[in-house]
Every structure is written in C-alpha cells, then in structure tokens.
Amino acid sequence: FVMPDAGIELRTRASWLENKEKVENIVKAAFTAAQKQTITDEELKLVMYVNTETGKIDDVCFRFLNNEPFAYIPVSVYRNIELAIKKNVQEVLTDEGKKLNFIYWWTTVIPK
C-alpha cells in the first residue's frame, strides 16, 4: 500500500498526463448534447484500477448519488465509457508501481 502523498511515483508523469486527457476526452464524447445539457456543470467521478503487470485498466467504477443528473443517463453510456477506457488507456508504470498488486486511480470529469 502506498499513499499518493508519500511522493512515490507509481507511473510516469507523461503517461499520467496523456491518459488523464484520454479519459476526459472519452467521457466528453460519450454523452449526447441533450445529456450534457441535463448534466450542466456536474462532475462525474471515475475510479479505475490499473493492472500493474500490463499497465491496462482492469476495472472502471462510476461514483454519483442517485439524485444527481448522472443517475438518469442510460447504463449503456457508462458501459461505452468503460470499454473505451479499457481499450485506449495504458499506463507506463515505474519500478515502484510494478511492485503493487494494483493501482487505484480516481479522477473527476465535467462532461461538457
């Protein structure tokens, strides 16, 4: 277990920046214009589990309350986001990152 604020890099900075942008673009492209209008400026919280043997994303979880606008979006939208992230995002891990069982990565995206 490694706390992120311990200063131990688990993936390269370039990889993290590139993949953060990929995730944001995938999320923004997944929602229709009408859906984006209902979401307004809400943040979608994503949790991703990085496989430390391959650098690929093994699992994607979405965090929102049942009274938030995201709760009214069809599940297929979230499934498409999950599949696109698993297909297109791969981290370049450091030696320290490769020592762990998995890396827990969370981020927020405003889909607008």
Protein backbone atom coordinates (compact mmCIF):
# COMPACT_ATOMS: atom_id res chain seq x y z
CA PHE A 1 0.00 0.00 0.00
CA VAL A 2 1.36 3.42 -0.97
CA MET A 3 -0.23 6.75 -0.13
CA PRO A 4 -0.19 9.12 -3.12
CA ASP A 5 1.11 11.98 -0.99
CA ALA A 6 4.16 9.93 0.06
CA GLY A 7 5.99 11.23 -3.02
CA ILE A 8 6.47 7.79 -4.57
CA GLU A 9 5.79 7.86 -8.30
CA LEU A 10 3.85 4.77 -9.44
CA ARG A 11 3.57 5.78 -13.12
CA THR A 12 5.45 8.20 -15.29
CA ARG A 13 4.25 11.78 -15.26
CA ALA A 14 3.97 11.84 -19.07
CA SER A 15 1.83 8.69 -19.01
CA TRP A 16 -0.43 10.13 -16.32
CA LEU A 17 -0.93 13.42 -18.17
CA GLU A 18 -1.60 11.71 -21.51
CA ASN A 19 -4.04 9.23 -20.02
CA LYS A 20 -5.86 11.84 -17.94
CA GLU A 21 -6.54 13.71 -21.17
CA LYS A 22 -7.64 10.48 -22.92
CA VAL A 23 -10.09 9.69 -20.11
CA GLU A 24 -11.52 13.22 -20.22
CA ASN A 25 -11.99 13.03 -24.00
CA ILE A 26 -13.62 9.59 -23.79
CA VAL A 27 -16.09 10.79 -21.15
CA LYS A 28 -16.91 14.02 -23.00
CA ALA A 29 -17.50 12.15 -26.27
CA ALA A 30 -19.79 9.56 -24.66
CA PHE A 31 -22.63 11.93 -23.74
CA THR A 32 -25.04 13.40 -26.28
CA ALA A 33 -25.64 17.16 -26.45
CA ALA A 34 -29.03 16.69 -24.78
CA GLN A 35 -27.48 14.65 -21.95
CA LYS A 36 -24.77 17.26 -21.45
CA GLN A 37 -27.48 19.90 -21.08
CA THR A 38 -29.13 17.98 -18.24
CA ILE A 39 -25.80 17.31 -16.53
CA THR A 40 -24.76 21.01 -16.65
CA ASP A 41 -21.54 21.51 -14.65
CA GLU A 42 -21.72 18.35 -12.54
CA GLU A 43 -18.50 16.35 -12.05
CA LEU A 44 -18.51 12.65 -12.88
CA LYS A 45 -16.25 10.73 -10.54
CA LEU A 46 -14.39 7.75 -12.01
CA VAL A 47 -12.32 5.14 -10.20
CA MET A 48 -10.01 2.99 -12.30
CA TYR A 49 -7.94 0.01 -11.26
CA VAL A 50 -4.64 -0.25 -13.11
CA ASN A 51 -3.16 -3.71 -13.65
CA THR A 52 0.47 -3.46 -12.52
CA GLU A 53 1.64 -6.24 -14.82
CA THR A 54 0.25 -4.72 -18.03
CA GLY A 55 -0.50 -1.06 -17.23
CA LYS A 56 -4.00 -1.57 -18.67
CA ILE A 57 -7.18 -0.59 -16.86
CA ASP A 58 -8.84 -3.68 -15.38
CA ASP A 59 -11.95 -2.04 -13.97
CA VAL A 60 -13.80 1.28 -14.12
CA CYS A 61 -16.29 2.41 -11.48
CA PHE A 62 -18.52 5.48 -11.58
CA ARG A 63 -19.43 7.40 -8.43
CA PHE A 64 -22.54 9.55 -8.18
CA LEU A 65 -25.61 9.79 -5.98
CA ASN A 66 -28.99 8.54 -7.12
CA ASN A 67 -30.40 12.07 -7.11
CA GLU A 68 -27.67 13.51 -9.35
CA PRO A 69 -28.30 14.02 -13.08
CA PHE A 70 -25.89 11.16 -13.89
CA ALA A 71 -28.39 8.71 -12.40
CA TYR A 72 -30.77 9.40 -15.30
CA ILE A 73 -28.26 8.61 -18.06
CA PRO A 74 -28.67 5.16 -19.66
CA VAL A 75 -26.30 2.47 -18.38
CA SER A 76 -25.13 1.89 -21.96
CA VAL A 77 -23.34 5.27 -21.88
CA TYR A 78 -21.30 4.17 -18.86
CA ARG A 79 -20.59 0.81 -20.45
CA ASN A 80 -19.28 2.55 -23.58
CA ILE A 81 -17.03 4.75 -21.43
CA GLU A 82 -15.74 1.70 -19.58
CA LEU A 83 -14.95 -0.20 -22.77
CA ALA A 84 -13.25 2.79 -24.41
CA ILE A 85 -11.07 3.40 -21.35
CA LYS A 86 -10.08 -0.27 -21.14
CA LYS A 87 -9.20 -0.27 -24.84
CA ASN A 88 -7.38 3.06 -25.13
CA VAL A 89 -5.71 3.77 -21.79
CA GLN A 90 -2.45 2.12 -20.78
CA GLU A 91 -0.15 3.47 -18.09
CA VAL A 92 3.65 3.37 -18.16
CA LEU A 93 4.50 2.21 -14.65
CA THR A 94 7.61 2.90 -12.64
CA ASP A 95 9.52 0.10 -10.90
CA GLU A 96 7.71 1.05 -7.66
CA GLY A 97 4.34 0.87 -9.40
CA LYS A 98 5.10 -2.61 -10.73
CA LYS A 99 5.65 -3.88 -7.16
CA LEU A 100 1.99 -3.33 -6.21
CA ASN A 101 -0.99 -5.62 -6.79
CA PHE A 102 -2.93 -2.79 -8.46
CA ILE A 103 -3.04 0.99 -8.63
CA TYR A 104 -6.20 2.80 -7.60
CA TRP A 105 -6.68 5.87 -9.80
CA TRP A 106 -9.58 8.28 -9.35
CA THR A 107 -10.41 11.41 -11.26
CA THR A 108 -13.32 13.73 -11.94
CA VAL A 109 -14.54 14.93 -15.33
CA ILE A 110 -17.12 17.54 -16.27
CA PRO A 111 -18.59 16.02 -19.47
CA LYS A 112 -19.34 19.39 -21.12
